[in-house]
Amino acid sequence: MPKDLVAIKSLLEENVGETIIVTVQMGRKKKRERRGILKETYRSIFVVDLDQEANNIDRVSYSYRDVLTHAIDLEFVNED
């Protein structure tokens, strides 16, 4: 992942519509992995439409700062 906010935002803008895996760091060695489609990017956040989950949350947003500070990790899935 890039090391500054502008580069992170640019990378995400280039990959809108791609499948993405978001790993959320929940503290104390706990992580939660979510998979979905990168739908939109805005000035300070980006939106992911999640695959169907048990708790029926279908859309989440994260800030670019979350990526920069490693509160979340992103992985793009190549589905060729």
PDB file of N, CA and C in Angstrom:
ATOM      1  N   MET A   1       0.837  -1.185   0.000  1.00  0.00           N
ATOM      2  CA  MET A   1       0.000   0.000   0.000  1.00  0.00           C
ATOM      3  C   MET A   1       0.882   1.248   0.000  1.00  0.00           C
ATOM      4  N   PRO A   2       0.418   2.284  -0.671  1.00  0.00           N
ATOM      5  CA  PRO A   2       1.158   3.552  -0.677  1.00  0.00           C
ATOM      6  C   PRO A   2       1.300   4.137   0.726  1.00  0.00           C
ATOM      7  N   LYS A   3       2.236   5.066   0.869  1.00  0.00           N
ATOM      8  CA  LYS A   3       2.572   5.610   2.185  1.00  0.00           C
ATOM      9  C   LYS A   3       2.052   7.020   2.433  1.00  0.00           C
ATOM     10  N   ASP A   4       1.188   7.548   1.542  1.00  0.00           N
ATOM     11  CA  ASP A   4       0.583   8.859   1.827  1.00  0.00           C
ATOM     12  C   ASP A   4      -0.871   8.872   1.353  1.00  0.00           C
ATOM     13  N   LEU A   5      -1.640   9.776   1.900  1.00  0.00           N
ATOM     14  CA  LEU A   5      -3.085   9.807   1.665  1.00  0.00           C
ATOM     15  C   LEU A   5      -3.439  10.024   0.196  1.00  0.00           C
ATOM     16  N   VAL A   6      -2.711  10.886  -0.485  1.00  0.00           N
ATOM     17  CA  VAL A   6      -3.008  11.175  -1.895  1.00  0.00           C
ATOM     18  C   VAL A   6      -2.815   9.920  -2.748  1.00  0.00           C
ATOM     19  N   ALA A   7      -1.740   9.184  -2.493  1.00  0.00           N
ATOM     20  CA  ALA A   7      -1.468   7.963  -3.257  1.00  0.00           C
ATOM     21  C   ALA A   7      -2.497   6.873  -2.955  1.00  0.00           C
ATOM     22  N   ILE A   8      -2.909   6.768  -1.705  1.00  0.00           N
ATOM     23  CA  ILE A   8      -3.934   5.787  -1.331  1.00  0.00           C
ATOM     24  C   ILE A   8      -5.242   6.114  -2.041  1.00  0.00           C
ATOM     25  N   LYS A   9      -5.648   7.378  -1.999  1.00  0.00           N
ATOM     26  CA  LYS A   9      -6.890   7.800  -2.654  1.00  0.00           C
ATOM     27  C   LYS A   9      -6.817   7.536  -4.153  1.00  0.00           C
ATOM     28  N   SER A  10      -5.696   7.834  -4.759  1.00  0.00           N
ATOM     29  CA  SER A  10      -5.508   7.620  -6.188  1.00  0.00           C
ATOM     30  C   SER A  10      -5.606   6.134  -6.546  1.00  0.00           C
ATOM     31  N   LEU A  11      -4.965   5.286  -5.761  1.00  0.00           N
ATOM     32  CA  LEU A  11      -5.018   3.843  -5.993  1.00  0.00           C
ATOM     33  C   LEU A  11      -6.449   3.331  -5.924  1.00  0.00           C
ATOM     34  N   LEU A  12      -7.194   3.784  -4.929  1.00  0.00           N
ATOM     35  CA  LEU A  12      -8.572   3.341  -4.781  1.00  0.00           C
ATOM     36  C   LEU A  12      -9.456   3.861  -5.916  1.00  0.00           C
ATOM     37  N   GLU A  13      -9.244   5.101  -6.339  1.00  0.00           N
ATOM     38  CA  GLU A  13     -10.021   5.648  -7.454  1.00  0.00           C
ATOM     39  C   GLU A  13      -9.799   4.835  -8.727  1.00  0.00           C
ATOM     40  N   GLU A  14      -8.580   4.353  -8.934  1.00  0.00           N
ATOM     41  CA  GLU A  14      -8.249   3.548 -10.112  1.00  0.00           C
ATOM     42  C   GLU A  14      -8.905   2.177 -10.070  1.00  0.00           C
ATOM     43  N   ASN A  15      -9.307   1.713  -8.889  1.00  0.00           N
ATOM     44  CA  ASN A  15      -9.828   0.362  -8.734  1.00  0.00           C
ATOM     45  C   ASN A  15     -11.309   0.313  -8.365  1.00  0.00           C
ATOM     46  N   VAL A  16     -12.040   1.395  -8.583  1.00  0.00           N
ATOM     47  CA  VAL A  16     -13.481   1.387  -8.321  1.00  0.00           C
ATOM     48  C   VAL A  16     -14.117   0.307  -9.195  1.00  0.00           C
ATOM     49  N   GLY A  17     -14.982  -0.492  -8.577  1.00  0.00           N
ATOM     50  CA  GLY A  17     -15.643  -1.581  -9.287  1.00  0.00           C
ATOM     51  C   GLY A  17     -14.956  -2.922  -9.099  1.00  0.00           C
ATOM     52  N   GLU A  18     -13.779  -2.926  -8.501  1.00  0.00           N
ATOM     53  CA  GLU A  18     -13.021  -4.154  -8.284  1.00  0.00           C
ATOM     54  C   GLU A  18     -13.439  -4.826  -6.974  1.00  0.00           C
ATOM     55  N   THR A  19     -13.232  -6.135  -6.918  1.00  0.00           N
ATOM     56  CA  THR A  19     -13.472  -6.880  -5.679  1.00  0.00           C
ATOM     57  C   THR A  19     -12.311  -6.615  -4.730  1.00  0.00           C
ATOM     58  N   ILE A  20     -12.648  -6.415  -3.463  1.00  0.00           N
ATOM     59  CA  ILE A  20     -11.657  -6.043  -2.459  1.00  0.00           C
ATOM     60  C   ILE A  20     -11.913  -6.830  -1.174  1.00  0.00           C
ATOM     61  N   ILE A  21     -10.847  -7.176  -0.486  1.00  0.00           N
ATOM     62  CA  ILE A  21     -10.954  -7.779   0.839  1.00  0.00           C
ATOM     63  C   ILE A  21     -10.429  -6.759   1.834  1.00  0.00           C
ATOM     64  N   VAL A  22     -11.258  -6.415   2.807  1.00  0.00           N
ATOM     65  CA  VAL A  22     -10.890  -5.455   3.843  1.00  0.00           C
ATOM     66  C   VAL A  22     -10.718  -6.232   5.147  1.00  0.00           C
ATOM     67  N   THR A  23      -9.528  -6.135   5.723  1.00  0.00           N
ATOM     68  CA  THR A  23      -9.267  -6.770   7.009  1.00  0.00           C
ATOM     69  C   THR A  23      -9.214  -5.676   8.064  1.00  0.00           C
ATOM     70  N   VAL A  24     -10.167  -5.715   8.988  1.00  0.00           N
ATOM     71  CA  VAL A  24     -10.280  -4.701  10.028  1.00  0.00           C
ATOM     72  C   VAL A  24      -9.534  -5.173  11.268  1.00  0.00           C
ATOM     73  N   GLN A  25      -8.611  -4.352  11.756  1.00  0.00           N
ATOM     74  CA  GLN A  25      -7.878  -4.654  12.980  1.00  0.00           C
ATOM     75  C   GLN A  25      -8.761  -4.251  14.151  1.00  0.00           C
ATOM     76  N   MET A  26      -9.196  -5.231  14.943  1.00  0.00           N
ATOM     77  CA  MET A  26     -10.121  -4.964  16.033  1.00  0.00           C
ATOM     78  C   MET A  26      -9.420  -4.925  17.392  1.00  0.00           C
ATOM     79  N   GLY A  27      -8.115  -4.997  17.403  1.00  0.00           N
ATOM     80  CA  GLY A  27      -7.363  -4.920  18.649  1.00  0.00           C
ATOM     81  C   GLY A  27      -7.114  -6.275  19.271  1.00  0.00           C
ATOM     82  N   ARG A  28      -6.100  -6.336  20.109  1.00  0.00           N
ATOM     83  CA  ARG A  28      -5.769  -7.559  20.851  1.00  0.00           C
ATOM     84  C   ARG A  28      -5.723  -8.791  19.957  1.00  0.00           C
ATOM     85  N   LYS A  29      -5.046  -8.638  18.826  1.00  0.00           N
ATOM     86  CA  LYS A  29      -4.848  -9.741  17.871  1.00  0.00           C
ATOM     87  C   LYS A  29      -6.131 -10.243  17.221  1.00  0.00           C
ATOM     88  N   LYS A  30      -7.186  -9.432  17.244  1.00  0.00           N
ATOM     89  CA  LYS A  30      -8.442  -9.810  16.610  1.00  0.00           C
ATOM     90  C   LYS A  30      -8.570  -9.074  15.279  1.00  0.00           C
ATOM     91  N   LYS A  31      -9.002  -9.813  14.273  1.00  0.00           N
ATOM     92  CA  LYS A  31      -9.210  -9.237  12.945  1.00  0.00           C
ATOM     93  C   LYS A  31     -10.534  -9.730  12.398  1.00  0.00           C
ATOM     94  N   ARG A  32     -11.124  -8.904  11.540  1.00  0.00           N
ATOM     95  CA  ARG A  32     -12.346  -9.300  10.859  1.00  0.00           C
ATOM     96  C   ARG A  32     -12.157  -9.030   9.373  1.00  0.00           C
ATOM     97  N   GLU A  33     -12.379 -10.046   8.577  1.00  0.00           N
ATOM     98  CA  GLU A  33     -12.198  -9.925   7.136  1.00  0.00           C
ATOM     99  C   GLU A  33     -13.556  -9.783   6.462  1.00  0.00           C
ATOM    100  N   ARG A  34     -13.637  -8.802   5.569  1.00  0.00           N
ATOM    101  CA  ARG A  34     -14.870  -8.564   4.829  1.00  0.00           C
ATOM    102  C   ARG A  34     -14.526  -8.473   3.348  1.00  0.00           C
ATOM    103  N   ARG A  35     -15.408  -8.999   2.525  1.00  0.00           N
ATOM    104  CA  ARG A  35     -15.188  -9.016   1.077  1.00  0.00           C
ATOM    105  C   ARG A  35     -16.334  -8.285   0.398  1.00  0.00           C
ATOM    106  N   GLY A  36     -16.007  -7.497  -0.613  1.00  0.00           N
ATOM    107  CA  GLY A  36     -17.041  -6.770  -1.333  1.00  0.00           C
ATOM    108  C   GLY A  36     -16.492  -6.074  -2.560  1.00  0.00           C
ATOM    109  N   ILE A  37     -17.276  -5.153  -3.080  1.00  0.00           N
ATOM    110  CA  ILE A  37     -16.926  -4.379  -4.270  1.00  0.00           C
ATOM    111  C   ILE A  37     -16.661  -2.936  -3.862  1.00  0.00           C
ATOM    112  N   LEU A  38     -15.518  -2.405  -4.288  1.00  0.00           N
ATOM    113  CA  LEU A  38     -15.206  -0.992  -4.051  1.00  0.00           C
ATOM    114  C   LEU A  38     -16.137  -0.169  -4.941  1.00  0.00           C
ATOM    115  N   LYS A  39     -17.090   0.530  -4.342  1.00  0.00           N
ATOM    116  CA  LYS A  39     -18.139   1.208  -5.101  1.00  0.00           C
ATOM    117  C   LYS A  39     -17.847   2.663  -5.423  1.00  0.00           C
ATOM    118  N   GLU A  40     -17.425   3.434  -4.413  1.00  0.00           N
ATOM    119  CA  GLU A  40     -17.267   4.873  -4.621  1.00  0.00           C
ATOM    120  C   GLU A  40     -16.115   5.409  -3.786  1.00  0.00           C
ATOM    121  N   THR A  41     -15.529   6.493  -4.275  1.00  0.00           N
ATOM    122  CA  THR A  41     -14.532   7.213  -3.493  1.00  0.00           C
ATOM    123  C   THR A  41     -14.995   8.653  -3.360  1.00  0.00           C
ATOM    124  N   TYR A  42     -14.766   9.207  -2.202  1.00  0.00           N
ATOM    125  CA  TYR A  42     -15.108  10.600  -1.923  1.00  0.00           C
ATOM    126  C   TYR A  42     -13.860  11.306  -1.419  1.00  0.00           C
ATOM    127  N   ARG A  43     -14.031  12.556  -1.016  1.00  0.00           N
ATOM    128  CA  ARG A  43     -12.893  13.361  -0.588  1.00  0.00           C
ATOM    129  C   ARG A  43     -12.125  12.717   0.556  1.00  0.00           C
ATOM    130  N   SER A  44     -12.812  12.172   1.557  1.00  0.00           N
ATOM    131  CA  SER A  44     -12.101  11.607   2.704  1.00  0.00           C
ATOM    132  C   SER A  44     -12.486  10.178   3.062  1.00  0.00           C
ATOM    133  N   ILE A  45     -13.424   9.589   2.320  1.00  0.00           N
ATOM    134  CA  ILE A  45     -13.811   8.194   2.589  1.00  0.00           C
ATOM    135  C   ILE A  45     -13.979   7.425   1.280  1.00  0.00           C
ATOM    136  N   PHE A  46     -14.043   6.097   1.414  1.00  0.00           N
ATOM    137  CA  PHE A  46     -14.424   5.253   0.288  1.00  0.00           C
ATOM    138  C   PHE A  46     -15.471   4.255   0.776  1.00  0.00           C
ATOM    139  N   VAL A  47     -16.294   3.774  -0.157  1.00  0.00           N
ATOM    140  CA  VAL A  47     -17.443   2.932   0.175  1.00  0.00           C
ATOM    141  C   VAL A  47     -17.258   1.553  -0.452  1.00  0.00           C
ATOM    142  N   VAL A  48     -17.551   0.522   0.354  1.00  0.00           N
ATOM    143  CA  VAL A  48     -17.477  -0.860  -0.107  1.00  0.00           C
ATOM    144  C   VAL A  48     -18.856  -1.489   0.072  1.00  0.00           C
ATOM    145  N   ASP A  49     -19.399  -2.050  -1.014  1.00  0.00           N
ATOM    146  CA  ASP A  49     -20.630  -2.842  -0.930  1.00  0.00           C
ATOM    147  C   ASP A  49     -20.215  -4.269  -0.621  1.00  0.00           C
ATOM    148  N   LEU A  50     -20.618  -4.761   0.544  1.00  0.00           N
ATOM    149  CA  LEU A  50     -20.181  -6.065   1.013  1.00  0.00           C
ATOM    150  C   LEU A  50     -20.994  -7.189   0.395  1.00  0.00           C
ATOM    151  N   ASP A  51     -20.349  -8.367   0.294  1.00  0.00           N
ATOM    152  CA  ASP A  51     -21.087  -9.578  -0.034  1.00  0.00           C
ATOM    153  C   ASP A  51     -22.066  -9.823   1.098  1.00  0.00           C
ATOM    154  N   GLN A  52     -23.123 -10.553   0.845  1.00  0.00           N
ATOM    155  CA  GLN A  52     -24.161 -10.805   1.852  1.00  0.00           C
ATOM    156  C   GLN A  52     -23.557 -11.374   3.126  1.00  0.00           C
ATOM    157  N   GLU A  53     -23.878 -10.769   4.245  1.00  0.00           N
ATOM    158  CA  GLU A  53     -23.389 -11.214   5.545  1.00  0.00           C
ATOM    159  C   GLU A  53     -24.568 -11.529   6.452  1.00  0.00           C
ATOM    160  N   ALA A  54     -24.282 -12.270   7.500  1.00  0.00           N
ATOM    161  CA  ALA A  54     -25.329 -12.693   8.438  1.00  0.00           C
ATOM    162  C   ALA A  54     -25.997 -11.515   9.135  1.00  0.00           C
ATOM    163  N   ASN A  55     -25.243 -10.443   9.382  1.00  0.00           N
ATOM    164  CA  ASN A  55     -25.819  -9.312  10.104  1.00  0.00           C
ATOM    165  C   ASN A  55     -26.487  -8.291   9.176  1.00  0.00           C
ATOM    166  N   ASN A  56     -26.600  -8.615   7.904  1.00  0.00           N
ATOM    167  CA  ASN A  56     -27.317  -7.820   6.906  1.00  0.00           C
ATOM    168  C   ASN A  56     -26.761  -6.425   6.675  1.00  0.00           C
ATOM    169  N   ILE A  57     -25.530  -6.180   7.048  1.00  0.00           N
ATOM    170  CA  ILE A  57     -24.888  -4.920   6.688  1.00  0.00           C
ATOM    171  C   ILE A  57     -24.374  -5.091   5.270  1.00  0.00           C
ATOM    172  N   ASP A  58     -24.819  -4.226   4.374  1.00  0.00           N
ATOM    173  CA  ASP A  58     -24.432  -4.417   2.987  1.00  0.00           C
ATOM    174  C   ASP A  58     -23.524  -3.330   2.442  1.00  0.00           C
ATOM    175  N   ARG A  59     -23.298  -2.269   3.209  1.00  0.00           N
ATOM    176  CA  ARG A  59     -22.435  -1.171   2.747  1.00  0.00           C
ATOM    177  C   ARG A  59     -21.689  -0.585   3.935  1.00  0.00           C
ATOM    178  N   VAL A  60     -20.385  -0.409   3.770  1.00  0.00           N
ATOM    179  CA  VAL A  60     -19.583   0.207   4.820  1.00  0.00           C
ATOM    180  C   VAL A  60     -18.670   1.248   4.199  1.00  0.00           C
ATOM    181  N   SER A  61     -18.234   2.182   5.005  1.00  0.00           N
ATOM    182  CA  SER A  61     -17.285   3.188   4.529  1.00  0.00           C
ATOM    183  C   SER A  61     -16.089   3.236   5.462  1.00  0.00           C
ATOM    184  N   TYR A  62     -14.963   3.581   4.895  1.00  0.00           N
ATOM    185  CA  TYR A  62     -13.717   3.701   5.640  1.00  0.00           C
ATOM    186  C   TYR A  62     -13.016   4.968   5.178  1.00  0.00           C
ATOM    187  N   SER A  63     -12.163   5.497   6.016  1.00  0.00           N
ATOM    188  CA  SER A  63     -11.389   6.676   5.616  1.00  0.00           C
ATOM    189  C   SER A  63     -10.040   6.229   5.046  1.00  0.00           C
ATOM    190  N   TYR A  64      -9.454   7.085   4.253  1.00  0.00           N
ATOM    191  CA  TYR A  64      -8.119   6.798   3.710  1.00  0.00           C
ATOM    192  C   TYR A  64      -7.104   6.739   4.852  1.00  0.00           C
ATOM    193  N   ARG A  65      -7.357   7.482   5.897  1.00  0.00           N
ATOM    194  CA  ARG A  65      -6.478   7.471   7.079  1.00  0.00           C
ATOM    195  C   ARG A  65      -6.462   6.090   7.744  1.00  0.00           C
ATOM    196  N   ASP A  66      -7.596   5.370   7.692  1.00  0.00           N
ATOM    197  CA  ASP A  66      -7.635   3.997   8.222  1.00  0.00           C
ATOM    198  C   ASP A  66      -6.605   3.119   7.521  1.00  0.00           C
ATOM    199  N   VAL A  67      -6.467   3.312   6.220  1.00  0.00           N
ATOM    200  CA  VAL A  67      -5.482   2.543   5.450  1.00  0.00           C
ATOM    201  C   VAL A  67      -4.068   2.985   5.829  1.00  0.00           C
ATOM    202  N   LEU A  68      -3.869   4.286   5.902  1.00  0.00           N
ATOM    203  CA  LEU A  68      -2.546   4.835   6.215  1.00  0.00           C
ATOM    204  C   LEU A  68      -2.042   4.384   7.585  1.00  0.00           C
ATOM    205  N   THR A  69      -2.931   4.328   8.570  1.00  0.00           N
ATOM    206  CA  THR A  69      -2.531   3.964   9.938  1.00  0.00           C
ATOM    207  C   THR A  69      -2.627   2.462  10.209  1.00  0.00           C
ATOM    208  N   HIS A  70      -2.956   1.700   9.171  1.00  0.00           N
ATOM    209  CA  HIS A  70      -3.069   0.232   9.268  1.00  0.00           C
ATOM    210  C   HIS A  70      -4.184  -0.219  10.212  1.00  0.00           C
ATOM    211  N   ALA A  71      -5.200   0.620  10.391  1.00  0.00           N
ATOM    212  CA  ALA A  71      -6.392   0.186  11.122  1.00  0.00           C
ATOM    213  C   ALA A  71      -7.152  -0.830  10.280  1.00  0.00           C
ATOM    214  N   ILE A  72      -6.988  -0.718   8.949  1.00  0.00           N
ATOM    215  CA  ILE A  72      -7.513  -1.721   8.025  1.00  0.00           C
ATOM    216  C   ILE A  72      -6.436  -2.050   7.005  1.00  0.00           C
ATOM    217  N   ASP A  73      -6.504  -3.257   6.477  1.00  0.00           N
ATOM    218  CA  ASP A  73      -5.623  -3.664   5.380  1.00  0.00           C
ATOM    219  C   ASP A  73      -6.511  -3.988   4.182  1.00  0.00           C
ATOM    220  N   LEU A  74      -6.023  -3.624   3.002  1.00  0.00           N
ATOM    221  CA  LEU A  74      -6.784  -3.853   1.783  1.00  0.00           C
ATOM    222  C   LEU A  74      -6.049  -4.829   0.879  1.00  0.00           C
ATOM    223  N   GLU A  75      -6.840  -5.658   0.207  1.00  0.00           N
ATOM    224  CA  GLU A  75      -6.279  -6.582  -0.779  1.00  0.00           C
ATOM    225  C   GLU A  75      -7.250  -6.639  -1.943  1.00  0.00           C
ATOM    226  N   PHE A  76      -6.741  -6.350  -3.152  1.00  0.00           N
ATOM    227  CA  PHE A  76      -7.580  -6.436  -4.328  1.00  0.00           C
ATOM    228  C   PHE A  76      -7.552  -7.861  -4.841  1.00  0.00           C
ATOM    229  N   VAL A  77      -8.719  -8.365  -5.241  1.00  0.00           N
ATOM    230  CA  VAL A  77      -8.852  -9.743  -5.692  1.00  0.00           C
ATOM    231  C   VAL A  77      -8.899  -9.745  -7.209  1.00  0.00           C
ATOM    232  N   ASN A  78      -8.004 -10.494  -7.809  1.00  0.00           N
ATOM    233  CA  ASN A  78      -7.973 -10.623  -9.256  1.00  0.00           C
ATOM    234  C   ASN A  78      -8.856 -11.800  -9.648  1.00  0.00           C
ATOM    235  N   GLU A  79      -9.997 -11.518 -10.250  1.00  0.00           N
ATOM    236  CA  GLU A  79     -10.966 -12.567 -10.608  1.00  0.00           C
ATOM    237  C   GLU A  79     -10.978 -12.815 -12.103  1.00  0.00           C
ATOM    238  N   ASP A  80      -9.841 -13.183 -12.654  1.00  0.00           N
ATOM    239  CA  ASP A  80      -9.760 -13.461 -14.094  1.00  0.00           C
ATOM    240  C   ASP A  80     -10.164 -14.873 -14.401  1.00  0.00           C
TER     241      ASP A  80
END
